[in-house]
């Protein structure tokens, strides 16, 4: 499966769990992003991307990997 994200699987998984537990812990998105930066020393995903990742993970089979894209085949030119 092709993975085109700039974030590792571990980074996406940790972020996803934090966003999922956001209501229980009372954390704000800014705190989640700050904790991400402190833990991984890299820019955190935006709030919109955090929401998209959570929605993708829990609406599909529960995977944080990128889905395999279908390839577009070129027509063969016969001469």
PDB file of N, CA and C in Angstrom:
ATOM      1  N   UNK A   1       0.842  -1.171   0.000  1.00  0.00           N
ATOM      2  CA  UNK A   1       0.000   0.000   0.000  1.00  0.00           C
ATOM      3  C   UNK A   1       0.891   1.238   0.000  1.00  0.00           C
ATOM      4  N   UNK A   2       0.646   2.133  -0.896  1.00  0.00           N
ATOM      5  CA  UNK A   2       1.439   3.345  -1.015  1.00  0.00           C
ATOM      6  C   UNK A   2       1.067   4.325   0.099  1.00  0.00           C
ATOM      7  N   UNK A   3       2.070   4.928   0.675  1.00  0.00           N
ATOM      8  CA  UNK A   3       1.845   5.877   1.748  1.00  0.00           C
ATOM      9  C   UNK A   3       2.495   7.193   1.361  1.00  0.00           C
ATOM     10  N   UNK A   4       1.703   8.178   0.994  1.00  0.00           N
ATOM     11  CA  UNK A   4       2.222   9.436   0.464  1.00  0.00           C
ATOM     12  C   UNK A   4       2.242  10.556   1.500  1.00  0.00           C
ATOM     13  N   UNK A   5       1.910  10.264   2.733  1.00  0.00           N
ATOM     14  CA  UNK A   5       1.841  11.292   3.757  1.00  0.00           C
ATOM     15  C   UNK A   5       3.229  11.709   4.223  1.00  0.00           C
ATOM     16  N   UNK A   6       3.345  12.959   4.666  1.00  0.00           N
ATOM     17  CA  UNK A   6       4.626  13.431   5.202  1.00  0.00           C
ATOM     18  C   UNK A   6       4.788  13.010   6.660  1.00  0.00           C
ATOM     19  N   UNK A   7       3.727  12.480   7.258  1.00  0.00           N
ATOM     20  CA  UNK A   7       3.767  12.036   8.640  1.00  0.00           C
ATOM     21  C   UNK A   7       3.889  10.517   8.690  1.00  0.00           C
ATOM     22  N   UNK A   8       4.642  10.030   9.674  1.00  0.00           N
ATOM     23  CA  UNK A   8       4.811   8.582   9.820  1.00  0.00           C
ATOM     24  C   UNK A   8       3.519   7.977  10.363  1.00  0.00           C
ATOM     25  N   UNK A   9       3.428   6.679  10.313  1.00  0.00           N
ATOM     26  CA  UNK A   9       2.249   5.990  10.827  1.00  0.00           C
ATOM     27  C   UNK A   9       2.103   6.262  12.326  1.00  0.00           C
ATOM     28  N   UNK A  10       3.214   6.249  13.049  1.00  0.00           N
ATOM     29  CA  UNK A  10       3.177   6.511  14.488  1.00  0.00           C
ATOM     30  C   UNK A  10       2.628   7.913  14.782  1.00  0.00           C
ATOM     31  N   UNK A  11       3.087   8.903  14.025  1.00  0.00           N
ATOM     32  CA  UNK A  11       2.630  10.276  14.226  1.00  0.00           C
ATOM     33  C   UNK A  11       1.138  10.408  13.967  1.00  0.00           C
ATOM     34  N   UNK A  12       0.677   9.784  12.899  1.00  0.00           N
ATOM     35  CA  UNK A  12      -0.751   9.855  12.576  1.00  0.00           C
ATOM     36  C   UNK A  12      -1.588   9.115  13.611  1.00  0.00           C
ATOM     37  N   UNK A  13      -1.084   7.998  14.101  1.00  0.00           N
ATOM     38  CA  UNK A  13      -1.817   7.215  15.089  1.00  0.00           C
ATOM     39  C   UNK A  13      -1.932   7.977  16.411  1.00  0.00           C
ATOM     40  N   UNK A  14      -0.835   8.559  16.875  1.00  0.00           N
ATOM     41  CA  UNK A  14      -0.851   9.329  18.121  1.00  0.00           C
ATOM     42  C   UNK A  14      -1.806  10.515  17.996  1.00  0.00           C
ATOM     43  N   UNK A  15      -1.725  11.234  16.897  1.00  0.00           N
ATOM     44  CA  UNK A  15      -2.620  12.369  16.666  1.00  0.00           C
ATOM     45  C   UNK A  15      -4.078  11.933  16.646  1.00  0.00           C
ATOM     46  N   UNK A  16      -4.327  10.820  16.004  1.00  0.00           N
ATOM     47  CA  UNK A  16      -5.689  10.320  15.876  1.00  0.00           C
ATOM     48  C   UNK A  16      -6.273   9.969  17.242  1.00  0.00           C
ATOM     49  N   UNK A  17      -5.487   9.331  18.080  1.00  0.00           N
ATOM     50  CA  UNK A  17      -5.952   8.978  19.420  1.00  0.00           C
ATOM     51  C   UNK A  17      -6.227  10.240  20.238  1.00  0.00           C
ATOM     52  N   UNK A  18      -5.343  11.223  20.140  1.00  0.00           N
ATOM     53  CA  UNK A  18      -5.534  12.482  20.882  1.00  0.00           C
ATOM     54  C   UNK A  18      -6.810  13.191  20.446  1.00  0.00           C
ATOM     55  N   UNK A  19      -7.050  13.241  19.160  1.00  0.00           N
ATOM     56  CA  UNK A  19      -8.261  13.901  18.646  1.00  0.00           C
ATOM     57  C   UNK A  19      -9.502  13.112  19.054  1.00  0.00           C
ATOM     58  N   UNK A  20      -9.407  11.789  19.011  1.00  0.00           N
ATOM     59  CA  UNK A  20     -10.541  10.938  19.380  1.00  0.00           C
ATOM     60  C   UNK A  20     -10.914  11.123  20.849  1.00  0.00           C
ATOM     61  N   UNK A  21      -9.914  11.272  21.703  1.00  0.00           N
ATOM     62  CA  UNK A  21     -10.160  11.416  23.138  1.00  0.00           C
ATOM     63  C   UNK A  21     -10.306  12.870  23.576  1.00  0.00           C
ATOM     64  N   UNK A  22     -10.375  13.767  22.612  1.00  0.00           N
ATOM     65  CA  UNK A  22     -10.452  15.203  22.874  1.00  0.00           C
ATOM     66  C   UNK A  22     -11.618  15.561  23.798  1.00  0.00           C
ATOM     67  N   UNK A  23     -12.775  14.986  23.595  1.00  0.00           N
ATOM     68  CA  UNK A  23     -13.948  15.303  24.416  1.00  0.00           C
ATOM     69  C   UNK A  23     -13.747  14.834  25.854  1.00  0.00           C
ATOM     70  N   UNK A  24     -13.153  13.669  26.022  1.00  0.00           N
ATOM     71  CA  UNK A  24     -12.958  13.125  27.366  1.00  0.00           C
ATOM     72  C   UNK A  24     -11.918  13.911  28.152  1.00  0.00           C
ATOM     73  N   UNK A  25     -10.820  14.290  27.478  1.00  0.00           N
ATOM     74  CA  UNK A  25      -9.716  14.968  28.158  1.00  0.00           C
ATOM     75  C   UNK A  25      -9.918  16.478  28.238  1.00  0.00           C
ATOM     76  N   UNK A  26     -10.767  17.027  27.373  1.00  0.00           N
ATOM     77  CA  UNK A  26     -11.013  18.466  27.373  1.00  0.00           C
ATOM     78  C   UNK A  26      -9.924  19.277  26.681  1.00  0.00           C
ATOM     79  N   UNK A  27      -9.042  18.603  25.942  1.00  0.00           N
ATOM     80  CA  UNK A  27      -7.971  19.312  25.228  1.00  0.00           C
ATOM     81  C   UNK A  27      -8.536  20.089  24.043  1.00  0.00           C
ATOM     82  N   UNK A  28      -7.892  21.190  23.751  1.00  0.00           N
ATOM     83  CA  UNK A  28      -8.237  21.975  22.571  1.00  0.00           C
ATOM     84  C   UNK A  28      -7.323  21.521  21.431  1.00  0.00           C
ATOM     85  N   UNK A  29      -7.719  21.809  20.188  1.00  0.00           N
ATOM     86  CA  UNK A  29      -6.892  21.415  19.046  1.00  0.00           C
ATOM     87  C   UNK A  29      -5.499  22.038  19.120  1.00  0.00           C
ATOM     88  N   UNK A  30      -5.430  23.265  19.608  1.00  0.00           N
ATOM     89  CA  UNK A  30      -4.132  23.935  19.705  1.00  0.00           C
ATOM     90  C   UNK A  30      -3.209  23.190  20.677  1.00  0.00           C
ATOM     91  N   UNK A  31      -3.777  22.660  21.761  1.00  0.00           N
ATOM     92  CA  UNK A  31      -2.977  21.878  22.715  1.00  0.00           C
ATOM     93  C   UNK A  31      -2.512  20.564  22.093  1.00  0.00           C
ATOM     94  N   UNK A  32      -3.369  19.940  21.311  1.00  0.00           N
ATOM     95  CA  UNK A  32      -2.995  18.696  20.626  1.00  0.00           C
ATOM     96  C   UNK A  32      -1.845  18.970  19.663  1.00  0.00           C
ATOM     97  N   UNK A  33      -1.941  20.071  18.919  1.00  0.00           N
ATOM     98  CA  UNK A  33      -0.888  20.424  17.962  1.00  0.00           C
ATOM     99  C   UNK A  33       0.421  20.756  18.678  1.00  0.00           C
ATOM    100  N   UNK A  34       0.321  21.441  19.812  1.00  0.00           N
ATOM    101  CA  UNK A  34       1.513  21.787  20.585  1.00  0.00           C
ATOM    102  C   UNK A  34       2.182  20.531  21.145  1.00  0.00           C
ATOM    103  N   UNK A  35       1.382  19.604  21.672  1.00  0.00           N
ATOM    104  CA  UNK A  35       1.928  18.345  22.182  1.00  0.00           C
ATOM    105  C   UNK A  35       2.580  17.532  21.071  1.00  0.00           C
ATOM    106  N   UNK A  36       1.987  17.567  19.871  1.00  0.00           N
ATOM    107  CA  UNK A  36       2.574  16.881  18.721  1.00  0.00           C
ATOM    108  C   UNK A  36       3.957  17.457  18.425  1.00  0.00           C
ATOM    109  N   UNK A  37       4.050  18.779  18.413  1.00  0.00           N
ATOM    110  CA  UNK A  37       5.331  19.425  18.130  1.00  0.00           C
ATOM    111  C   UNK A  37       6.373  19.062  19.193  1.00  0.00           C
ATOM    112  N   UNK A  38       5.977  19.085  20.449  1.00  0.00           N
ATOM    113  CA  UNK A  38       6.909  18.755  21.527  1.00  0.00           C
ATOM    114  C   UNK A  38       7.369  17.301  21.446  1.00  0.00           C
ATOM    115  N   UNK A  39       6.484  16.409  21.068  1.00  0.00           N
ATOM    116  CA  UNK A  39       6.818  14.976  21.017  1.00  0.00           C
ATOM    117  C   UNK A  39       7.663  14.624  19.801  1.00  0.00           C
ATOM    118  N   UNK A  40       7.310  15.152  18.621  1.00  0.00           N
ATOM    119  CA  UNK A  40       7.964  14.737  17.380  1.00  0.00           C
ATOM    120  C   UNK A  40       8.896  15.795  16.788  1.00  0.00           C
ATOM    121  N   UNK A  41       8.900  16.992  17.366  1.00  0.00           N
ATOM    122  CA  UNK A  41       9.768  18.073  16.900  1.00  0.00           C
ATOM    123  C   UNK A  41       9.587  18.364  15.405  1.00  0.00           C
ATOM    124  N   UNK A  42       8.340  18.416  14.996  1.00  0.00           N
ATOM    125  CA  UNK A  42       7.999  18.754  13.615  1.00  0.00           C
ATOM    126  C   UNK A  42       6.633  19.405  13.614  1.00  0.00           C
ATOM    127  N   UNK A  43       6.377  20.200  12.599  1.00  0.00           N
ATOM    128  CA  UNK A  43       5.108  20.930  12.515  1.00  0.00           C
ATOM    129  C   UNK A  43       3.926  19.965  12.535  1.00  0.00           C
ATOM    130  N   UNK A  44       2.943  20.297  13.334  1.00  0.00           N
ATOM    131  CA  UNK A  44       1.756  19.451  13.465  1.00  0.00           C
ATOM    132  C   UNK A  44       0.780  19.711  12.325  1.00  0.00           C
ATOM    133  N   UNK A  45      -0.071  18.726  12.018  1.00  0.00           N
ATOM    134  CA  UNK A  45      -1.102  18.942  11.004  1.00  0.00           C
ATOM    135  C   UNK A  45      -2.073  20.035  11.460  1.00  0.00           C
ATOM    136  N   UNK A  46      -2.702  20.672  10.504  1.00  0.00           N
ATOM    137  CA  UNK A  46      -3.677  21.708  10.836  1.00  0.00           C
ATOM    138  C   UNK A  46      -4.899  21.072  11.500  1.00  0.00           C
ATOM    139  N   UNK A  47      -5.724  21.913  12.082  1.00  0.00           N
ATOM    140  CA  UNK A  47      -6.939  21.419  12.741  1.00  0.00           C
ATOM    141  C   UNK A  47      -7.839  20.690  11.744  1.00  0.00           C
ATOM    142  N   UNK A  48      -7.949  21.244  10.550  1.00  0.00           N
ATOM    143  CA  UNK A  48      -8.784  20.602   9.516  1.00  0.00           C
ATOM    144  C   UNK A  48      -8.239  19.228   9.139  1.00  0.00           C
ATOM    145  N   UNK A  49      -6.916  19.107   9.024  1.00  0.00           N
ATOM    146  CA  UNK A  49      -6.321  17.812   8.684  1.00  0.00           C
ATOM    147  C   UNK A  49      -6.470  16.808   9.820  1.00  0.00           C
ATOM    148  N   UNK A  50      -6.421  17.277  11.057  1.00  0.00           N
ATOM    149  CA  UNK A  50      -6.646  16.382  12.195  1.00  0.00           C
ATOM    150  C   UNK A  50      -8.065  15.816  12.147  1.00  0.00           C
ATOM    151  N   UNK A  51      -9.028  16.677  11.826  1.00  0.00           N
ATOM    152  CA  UNK A  51     -10.417  16.221  11.721  1.00  0.00           C
ATOM    153  C   UNK A  51     -10.591  15.230  10.574  1.00  0.00           C
ATOM    154  N   UNK A  52      -9.963  15.519   9.423  1.00  0.00           N
ATOM    155  CA  UNK A  52     -10.068  14.627   8.263  1.00  0.00           C
ATOM    156  C   UNK A  52      -9.477  13.258   8.574  1.00  0.00           C
ATOM    157  N   UNK A  53      -8.328  13.237   9.231  1.00  0.00           N
ATOM    158  CA  UNK A  53      -7.681  11.968   9.559  1.00  0.00           C
ATOM    159  C   UNK A  53      -8.553  11.145  10.498  1.00  0.00           C
ATOM    160  N   UNK A  54      -9.132  11.800  11.502  1.00  0.00           N
ATOM    161  CA  UNK A  54      -9.999  11.076  12.438  1.00  0.00           C
ATOM    162  C   UNK A  54     -11.222  10.519  11.716  1.00  0.00           C
ATOM    163  N   UNK A  55     -11.819  11.332  10.863  1.00  0.00           N
ATOM    164  CA  UNK A  55     -13.005  10.887  10.114  1.00  0.00           C
ATOM    165  C   UNK A  55     -12.656   9.716   9.197  1.00  0.00           C
ATOM    166  N   UNK A  56     -11.508   9.806   8.523  1.00  0.00           N
ATOM    167  CA  UNK A  56     -11.083   8.741   7.620  1.00  0.00           C
ATOM    168  C   UNK A  56     -10.831   7.438   8.374  1.00  0.00           C
ATOM    169  N   UNK A  57     -10.196   7.547   9.522  1.00  0.00           N
ATOM    170  CA  UNK A  57      -9.843   6.357  10.288  1.00  0.00           C
ATOM    171  C   UNK A  57     -11.075   5.635  10.814  1.00  0.00           C
ATOM    172  N   UNK A  58     -12.029   6.373  11.333  1.00  0.00           N
ATOM    173  CA  UNK A  58     -13.180   5.734  11.959  1.00  0.00           C
ATOM    174  C   UNK A  58     -14.325   5.461  10.995  1.00  0.00           C
ATOM    175  N   UNK A  59     -14.258   5.986   9.777  1.00  0.00           N
ATOM    176  CA  UNK A  59     -15.312   5.692   8.802  1.00  0.00           C
ATOM    177  C   UNK A  59     -14.918   4.539   7.882  1.00  0.00           C
ATOM    178  N   UNK A  60     -13.632   4.212   7.832  1.00  0.00           N
ATOM    179  CA  UNK A  60     -13.166   3.096   7.004  1.00  0.00           C
ATOM    180  C   UNK A  60     -12.851   1.907   7.908  1.00  0.00           C
ATOM    181  N   UNK A  61     -11.933   1.102   7.502  1.00  0.00           N
ATOM    182  CA  UNK A  61     -11.572  -0.101   8.247  1.00  0.00           C
ATOM    183  C   UNK A  61     -10.684   0.188   9.454  1.00  0.00           C
ATOM    184  N   UNK A  62     -10.508   1.459   9.807  1.00  0.00           N
ATOM    185  CA  UNK A  62      -9.709   1.802  10.967  1.00  0.00           C
ATOM    186  C   UNK A  62      -8.233   1.903  10.684  1.00  0.00           C
ATOM    187  N   UNK A  63      -7.858   2.211   9.455  1.00  0.00           N
ATOM    188  CA  UNK A  63      -6.455   2.298   9.074  1.00  0.00           C
ATOM    189  C   UNK A  63      -6.028   3.756   8.934  1.00  0.00           C
ATOM    190  N   UNK A  64      -4.804   4.057   9.382  1.00  0.00           N
ATOM    191  CA  UNK A  64      -4.264   5.401   9.198  1.00  0.00           C
ATOM    192  C   UNK A  64      -3.422   5.486   7.930  1.00  0.00           C
ATOM    193  N   UNK A  65      -3.304   4.380   7.207  1.00  0.00           N
ATOM    194  CA  UNK A  65      -2.554   4.378   5.953  1.00  0.00           C
ATOM    195  C   UNK A  65      -3.374   5.022   4.847  1.00  0.00           C
ATOM    196  N   UNK A  66      -2.688   5.570   3.855  1.00  0.00           N
ATOM    197  CA  UNK A  66      -3.380   6.118   2.700  1.00  0.00           C
ATOM    198  C   UNK A  66      -3.923   4.985   1.847  1.00  0.00           C
ATOM    199  N   UNK A  67      -5.085   5.186   1.270  1.00  0.00           N
ATOM    200  CA  UNK A  67      -5.687   4.178   0.407  1.00  0.00           C
ATOM    201  C   UNK A  67      -4.913   4.082  -0.899  1.00  0.00           C
ATOM    202  N   UNK A  68      -4.913   2.896  -1.483  1.00  0.00           N
ATOM    203  CA  UNK A  68      -4.235   2.687  -2.743  1.00  0.00           C
ATOM    204  C   UNK A  68      -5.015   3.396  -3.849  1.00  0.00           C
ATOM    205  N   UNK A  69      -4.331   4.181  -4.625  1.00  0.00           N
ATOM    206  CA  UNK A  69      -4.968   4.922  -5.710  1.00  0.00           C
ATOM    207  C   UNK A  69      -5.025   4.059  -6.961  1.00  0.00           C
ATOM    208  N   UNK A  70      -6.095   4.215  -7.702  1.00  0.00           N
ATOM    209  CA  UNK A  70      -6.193   3.474  -8.951  1.00  0.00           C
ATOM    210  C   UNK A  70      -5.318   4.145  -9.998  1.00  0.00           C
ATOM    211  N   UNK A  71      -4.682   3.333 -10.809  1.00  0.00           N
ATOM    212  CA  UNK A  71      -3.794   3.862 -11.843  1.00  0.00           C
ATOM    213  C   UNK A  71      -4.600   4.157 -13.104  1.00  0.00           C
ATOM    214  N   UNK A  72      -4.185   5.171 -13.809  1.00  0.00           N
ATOM    215  CA  UNK A  72      -4.834   5.495 -15.067  1.00  0.00           C
ATOM    216  C   UNK A  72      -3.971   4.912 -16.174  1.00  0.00           C
ATOM    217  N   UNK A  73      -4.558   4.039 -16.951  1.00  0.00           N
ATOM    218  CA  UNK A  73      -3.810   3.366 -18.002  1.00  0.00           C
ATOM    219  C   UNK A  73      -3.832   4.178 -19.285  1.00  0.00           C
ATOM    220  N   UNK A  74      -2.696   4.221 -19.933  1.00  0.00           N
ATOM    221  CA  UNK A  74      -2.623   4.917 -21.212  1.00  0.00           C
ATOM    222  C   UNK A  74      -3.066   3.979 -22.320  1.00  0.00           C
ATOM    223  N   UNK A  75      -3.721   4.557 -23.313  1.00  0.00           N
ATOM    224  CA  UNK A  75      -4.145   3.747 -24.462  1.00  0.00           C
ATOM    225  C   UNK A  75      -2.922   3.398 -25.293  1.00  0.00           C
ATOM    226  N   UNK A  76      -2.899   2.142 -25.749  1.00  0.00           N
ATOM    227  CA  UNK A  76      -1.816   1.726 -26.619  1.00  0.00           C
ATOM    228  C   UNK A  76      -2.141   2.172 -28.048  1.00  0.00           C
ATOM    229  N   UNK A  77      -1.150   2.733 -28.668  1.00  0.00           N
ATOM    230  CA  UNK A  77      -1.342   3.191 -30.036  1.00  0.00           C
ATOM    231  C   UNK A  77      -0.716   2.139 -30.962  1.00  0.00           C
ATOM    232  N   UNK A  78      -1.554   1.511 -31.757  1.00  0.00           N
ATOM    233  CA  UNK A  78      -1.074   0.479 -32.693  1.00  0.00           C
ATOM    234  C   UNK A  78      -0.864   1.118 -34.062  1.00  0.00           C
ATOM    235  N   UNK A  79       0.272   0.891 -34.629  1.00  0.00           N
ATOM    236  CA  UNK A  79       0.547   1.439 -35.956  1.00  0.00           C
ATOM    237  C   UNK A  79       0.870   0.328 -36.901  1.00  0.00           C
TER     238      UNK A  79
END
